[in-house]
Amino acid sequence: MRMPARVLFSLGIILSAHQARAGDWTLTLGAQGVSAPVFEGAKAREFRFSPMIAIGRQGKEQRFSSRNDSPSIALIETGAVRAGVAGRLIRGRDAGTSSDLAGLSDVKFGGELGGFVDVYPTESIRVRGEVRQGIRSHDGLVADIAADGFADLAPDLRLSGGPRARYATSGYSQAYYGVNASEAAASGLSQYDPDGGWQSVGVGTALTWSATDKLETSAFAEYKRLVGPAGDSSLVRERGSANQLLLGVSATYKFGVSLN
């Protein structure tokens, strides 16, 4: 069983001492276990355990969040709209990840940095868009769009879910799905030169139980279909699957942090 320690950090914003008041920030620690494809586009599955770490600024009201959200911090909050910076770390991918990747160029450990916008058309629906630039892992631009409806089945039990989609430029497609001539010769895969475009469409759902105002557990499921330059890749067609299913559980605990 392979258990990579992928840690997701929220982006830090440096504040002067007079701006950082006690209780302005929360530190969230936790862990998640997921059953997922070995790599994006793979047919084989594995169980992965990941610690979860995030630092966020407390707001006046609790906002909906999804496990798909990149760690982020809001710089603008105006009622139904929030916007700010977002980023994530990306684990590497190589032949050690799966024998299906033998002969292909490695995807290096790196990250993506950009921004997000949340829009709440109603009190029970959130639409989120993120645009992030790849750093080191790839040189493409990635845009994620998701809409979630959420309803409280009980005071401490919430059901949420909705559609998701990803668009990316050729720099991303080439890193994850491209197969050049030398890679084709080394791997046995057909040569493939992808452009940018829609990468995936899907749907996700989560059931979240707030045991206390600080302790939260969740069970979640995500399905997506690889399309466009991702779905047409020889890596996916000849060795993997365009159907990607993720199942998991998580638990987190929030701490108040004083920066005084």
Protein backbone atom coordinates (compact mmCIF):
# COMPACT_ATOMS: atom_id res chain seq x y z
CA MET A 1 0.00 0.00 0.00
CA ARG A 2 1.46 3.33 -1.06
CA MET A 3 0.75 6.24 1.28
CA PRO A 4 2.29 9.49 0.03
CA ALA A 5 2.29 12.35 2.53
CA ARG A 6 0.77 15.13 0.46
CA VAL A 7 0.27 18.22 2.60
CA LEU A 8 -1.97 21.05 1.45
CA PHE A 9 -1.04 24.49 2.78
CA SER A 10 -3.11 27.63 2.53
CA LEU A 11 -1.31 30.65 1.12
CA GLY A 12 0.21 32.90 3.77
CA ILE A 13 -0.35 36.65 3.71
CA ILE A 14 2.09 38.65 5.84
CA LEU A 15 0.36 41.16 8.11
CA SER A 16 1.93 43.85 10.30
CA ALA A 17 1.69 43.41 14.06
CA HIS A 18 -1.08 45.96 14.50
CA GLN A 19 -3.25 44.13 11.92
CA ALA A 20 -2.92 40.68 13.47
CA ARG A 21 -5.36 40.46 16.37
CA ALA A 22 -6.02 37.46 18.64
CA GLY A 23 -8.62 35.16 17.11
CA ASP A 24 -8.12 36.54 13.59
CA TRP A 25 -6.78 33.21 12.32
CA THR A 26 -7.58 29.50 12.55
CA LEU A 27 -5.23 26.55 12.17
CA THR A 28 -6.89 23.41 10.83
CA LEU A 29 -5.16 20.05 11.28
CA GLY A 30 -6.45 16.70 10.14
CA ALA A 31 -6.09 13.72 7.86
CA GLN A 32 -7.88 12.05 5.00
CA GLY A 33 -7.85 8.58 3.52
CA VAL A 34 -8.94 8.08 -0.08
CA SER A 35 -9.32 5.28 -2.57
CA ALA A 36 -8.40 6.76 -5.94
CA PRO A 37 -6.68 6.07 -9.26
CA VAL A 38 -2.89 5.72 -8.90
CA PHE A 39 -2.49 8.76 -11.18
CA GLU A 40 -4.83 10.98 -13.16
CA GLY A 41 -6.14 8.77 -15.97
CA ALA A 42 -5.06 5.45 -14.44
CA LYS A 43 -7.19 2.33 -14.30
CA ALA A 44 -5.39 0.85 -11.26
CA ARG A 45 -6.37 2.16 -7.83
CA GLU A 46 -4.64 2.68 -4.50
CA PHE A 47 -5.40 3.83 -0.97
CA ARG A 48 -3.70 7.09 0.00
CA PHE A 49 -3.37 8.74 3.39
CA SER A 50 -2.75 12.49 3.46
CA PRO A 51 -2.32 14.92 6.35
CA MET A 52 -4.33 18.14 5.99
CA ILE A 53 -3.00 21.52 7.15
CA ALA A 54 -4.57 24.90 6.48
CA ILE A 55 -4.33 28.40 7.91
CA GLY A 56 -7.19 30.78 7.28
CA ARG A 57 -8.41 34.13 8.46
CA GLN A 58 -11.61 34.02 10.50
CA GLY A 59 -14.59 35.78 9.01
CA LYS A 60 -17.69 37.18 10.61
CA GLU A 61 -19.73 34.20 9.36
CA GLN A 62 -19.03 30.57 8.54
CA ARG A 63 -18.71 30.06 4.79
CA PHE A 64 -19.29 26.85 2.84
CA SER A 65 -16.12 25.06 1.76
CA SER A 66 -15.44 21.97 -0.32
CA ARG A 67 -12.57 19.49 -0.18
CA ASN A 68 -11.89 20.43 -3.80
CA ASP A 69 -11.12 24.04 -2.89
CA SER A 70 -7.49 24.98 -3.14
CA PRO A 71 -6.12 26.47 0.08
CA SER A 72 -7.02 30.14 -0.21
CA ILE A 73 -7.42 33.41 1.58
CA ALA A 74 -10.11 35.99 0.82
CA LEU A 75 -8.96 39.54 0.18
CA ILE A 76 -12.41 40.81 -0.81
CA GLU A 77 -15.73 39.94 0.87
CA THR A 78 -18.86 41.77 -0.20
CA GLY A 79 -21.90 39.79 0.84
CA ALA A 80 -22.53 37.30 -1.96
CA VAL A 81 -19.01 37.56 -3.43
CA ARG A 82 -15.60 36.54 -2.09
CA ALA A 83 -12.31 36.74 -3.97
CA GLY A 84 -8.66 36.28 -3.16
CA VAL A 85 -5.52 34.24 -3.69
CA ALA A 86 -5.39 30.44 -4.01
CA GLY A 87 -2.69 27.85 -4.46
CA ARG A 88 -1.87 24.21 -4.03
CA LEU A 89 1.06 21.83 -3.88
CA ILE A 90 1.32 19.10 -6.53
CA ARG A 91 3.00 15.76 -5.87
CA GLY A 92 5.39 14.40 -8.43
CA ARG A 93 4.65 11.59 -10.88
CA ASP A 94 7.19 9.12 -12.28
CA ALA A 95 7.72 5.46 -13.10
CA GLY A 96 7.79 4.73 -9.37
CA THR A 97 4.18 5.88 -9.17
CA SER A 98 3.08 3.19 -11.64
CA SER A 99 4.74 0.92 -14.17
CA ASP A 100 2.27 2.35 -16.72
CA LEU A 101 4.36 5.54 -16.65
CA ALA A 102 7.66 3.85 -17.53
CA GLY A 103 9.35 5.65 -20.39
CA LEU A 104 7.46 8.91 -19.88
CA SER A 105 8.98 12.14 -18.59
CA ASP A 106 8.58 12.77 -14.86
CA VAL A 107 6.18 15.37 -13.51
CA LYS A 108 8.15 17.17 -10.82
CA PHE A 109 6.89 18.10 -7.37
CA GLY A 110 5.67 21.69 -7.56
CA GLY A 111 2.60 23.81 -7.21
CA GLU A 112 0.03 26.13 -8.71
CA LEU A 113 -0.60 29.73 -7.72
CA GLY A 114 -3.46 32.02 -8.68
CA GLY A 115 -6.79 33.34 -7.48
CA PHE A 116 -10.39 32.40 -6.79
CA VAL A 117 -13.87 33.90 -6.85
CA ASP A 118 -16.85 32.58 -4.86
CA VAL A 119 -20.37 33.68 -5.78
CA TYR A 120 -23.44 32.84 -3.69
CA PRO A 121 -26.52 33.27 -5.93
CA THR A 122 -28.65 31.98 -3.01
CA GLU A 123 -27.97 31.13 0.62
CA SER A 124 -27.67 27.43 -0.22
CA ILE A 125 -25.68 27.52 -3.49
CA ARG A 126 -22.06 28.44 -4.06
CA VAL A 127 -20.31 28.77 -7.44
CA ARG A 128 -16.51 28.83 -7.29
CA GLY A 129 -13.95 29.49 -9.98
CA GLU A 130 -10.19 29.18 -9.62
CA VAL A 131 -7.42 30.06 -12.08
CA ARG A 132 -3.89 28.89 -11.23
CA GLN A 133 -0.51 29.02 -12.98
CA GLY A 134 1.66 25.92 -12.78
CA ILE A 135 5.03 26.21 -11.07
CA ARG A 136 7.71 23.57 -11.75
CA SER A 137 5.26 20.65 -12.22
CA HIS A 138 3.95 22.15 -15.46
CA ASP A 139 3.88 25.56 -17.16
CA GLY A 140 0.19 25.63 -18.04
CA LEU A 141 -2.77 27.59 -16.77
CA VAL A 142 -5.53 25.62 -15.00
CA ALA A 143 -9.12 26.75 -14.40
CA ASP A 144 -11.46 24.82 -12.10
CA ILE A 145 -15.19 25.57 -11.94
CA ALA A 146 -17.61 24.03 -9.41
CA ALA A 147 -21.17 24.63 -8.26
CA ASP A 148 -22.32 23.20 -4.93
CA GLY A 149 -25.73 23.09 -3.36
CA PHE A 150 -25.79 22.38 0.36
CA ALA A 151 -28.51 21.60 2.90
CA ASP A 152 -28.48 20.85 6.62
CA LEU A 153 -30.16 17.50 7.26
CA ALA A 154 -29.76 18.18 10.97
CA PRO A 155 -28.11 21.00 12.96
CA ASP A 156 -24.75 19.18 12.82
CA LEU A 157 -25.14 17.21 9.55
CA ARG A 158 -24.76 18.74 6.08
CA LEU A 159 -25.18 17.21 2.62
CA SER A 160 -23.54 19.00 -0.31
CA GLY A 161 -22.72 18.34 -3.93
CA GLY A 162 -22.76 19.49 -7.52
CA PRO A 163 -20.97 19.54 -10.89
CA ARG A 164 -17.27 20.23 -11.54
CA ALA A 165 -15.21 20.94 -14.65
CA ARG A 166 -11.58 21.68 -15.47
CA TYR A 167 -10.02 23.61 -18.36
CA ALA A 168 -6.26 23.82 -18.93
CA THR A 169 -3.83 25.14 -21.51
CA SER A 170 -1.40 23.03 -23.53
CA GLY A 171 1.39 23.34 -20.93
CA TYR A 172 -0.69 21.29 -18.52
CA SER A 173 -1.91 18.83 -21.17
CA GLN A 174 1.62 18.19 -22.41
CA ALA A 175 2.98 17.48 -18.92
CA TYR A 176 0.29 14.99 -17.91
CA TYR A 177 -1.01 13.52 -21.16
CA GLY A 178 1.51 14.21 -23.92
CA VAL A 179 3.70 11.47 -25.42
CA ASN A 180 6.51 12.71 -27.68
CA ALA A 181 8.47 10.56 -30.15
CA SER A 182 11.20 9.50 -27.72
CA GLU A 183 8.65 8.74 -25.00
CA ALA A 184 6.59 6.71 -27.45
CA ALA A 185 9.66 4.63 -28.34
CA ALA A 186 10.56 4.12 -24.67
CA SER A 187 7.05 3.43 -23.37
CA GLY A 188 5.33 1.65 -26.23
CA LEU A 189 2.50 4.19 -26.21
CA SER A 190 1.29 5.93 -29.35
CA GLN A 191 2.73 9.41 -29.91
CA TYR A 192 0.31 12.12 -28.79
CA ASP A 193 0.62 15.92 -28.96
CA PRO A 194 -2.28 17.51 -27.00
CA ASP A 195 -3.54 21.07 -27.13
CA GLY A 196 -5.31 22.94 -24.37
CA GLY A 197 -9.02 22.47 -23.73
CA TRP A 198 -11.55 21.04 -21.32
CA GLN A 199 -9.86 18.27 -19.36
CA SER A 200 -12.67 16.78 -17.27
CA VAL A 201 -16.30 17.07 -16.24
CA GLY A 202 -17.87 15.40 -13.24
CA VAL A 203 -19.85 15.57 -10.03
CA GLY A 204 -19.04 15.34 -6.34
CA THR A 205 -20.90 14.95 -3.07
CA ALA A 206 -20.04 15.01 0.63
CA LEU A 207 -21.75 14.28 3.92
CA THR A 208 -20.22 16.32 6.74
CA TRP A 209 -20.78 15.88 10.46
CA SER A 210 -19.75 18.68 12.82
CA ALA A 211 -19.18 16.80 16.07
CA THR A 212 -18.33 20.12 17.77
CA ASP A 213 -17.67 23.64 16.53
CA LYS A 214 -14.02 22.59 16.12
CA LEU A 215 -14.13 18.87 15.18
CA GLU A 216 -15.49 17.89 11.76
CA THR A 217 -15.65 14.58 9.90
CA SER A 218 -16.70 13.94 6.33
CA ALA A 219 -17.36 11.14 3.84
CA PHE A 220 -17.12 12.09 0.18
CA ALA A 221 -17.26 10.76 -3.37
CA GLU A 222 -16.08 12.32 -6.64
CA TYR A 223 -16.60 11.06 -10.17
CA LYS A 224 -15.16 12.69 -13.26
CA ARG A 225 -14.86 11.81 -16.92
CA LEU A 226 -11.66 12.79 -18.70
CA VAL A 227 -12.52 14.57 -21.94
CA GLY A 228 -10.82 16.51 -24.72
CA PRO A 229 -7.00 16.43 -24.69
CA ALA A 230 -7.01 14.33 -21.49
CA GLY A 231 -9.54 11.72 -22.62
CA ASP A 232 -7.91 11.39 -26.05
CA SER A 233 -4.42 10.74 -24.63
CA SER A 234 -2.81 7.44 -25.59
CA LEU A 235 -1.84 7.04 -21.91
CA VAL A 236 -5.52 7.05 -20.96
CA ARG A 237 -6.86 5.14 -23.98
CA GLU A 238 -4.20 2.42 -24.11
CA ARG A 239 -3.35 1.88 -20.44
CA GLY A 240 -5.82 3.77 -18.28
CA SER A 241 -9.43 4.83 -18.06
CA ALA A 242 -11.32 8.04 -18.74
CA ASN A 243 -13.63 7.24 -15.79
CA GLN A 244 -12.12 8.43 -12.52
CA LEU A 245 -13.76 7.69 -9.15
CA LEU A 246 -12.51 8.85 -5.75
CA LEU A 247 -13.98 7.75 -2.39
CA GLY A 248 -12.77 8.95 0.97
CA VAL A 249 -13.20 10.05 4.56
CA SER A 250 -11.57 12.87 6.51
CA ALA A 251 -11.41 14.41 9.97
CA THR A 252 -10.17 17.88 10.94
CA TYR A 253 -9.82 19.98 14.08
CA LYS A 254 -9.67 23.78 14.19
CA PHE A 255 -7.51 25.80 16.56
CA GLY A 256 -7.71 29.52 17.23
CA VAL A 257 -4.36 31.24 16.56
CA SER A 258 -3.21 34.54 18.01
CA LEU A 259 -0.52 36.43 16.11
CA ASN A 260 -0.01 39.07 18.80
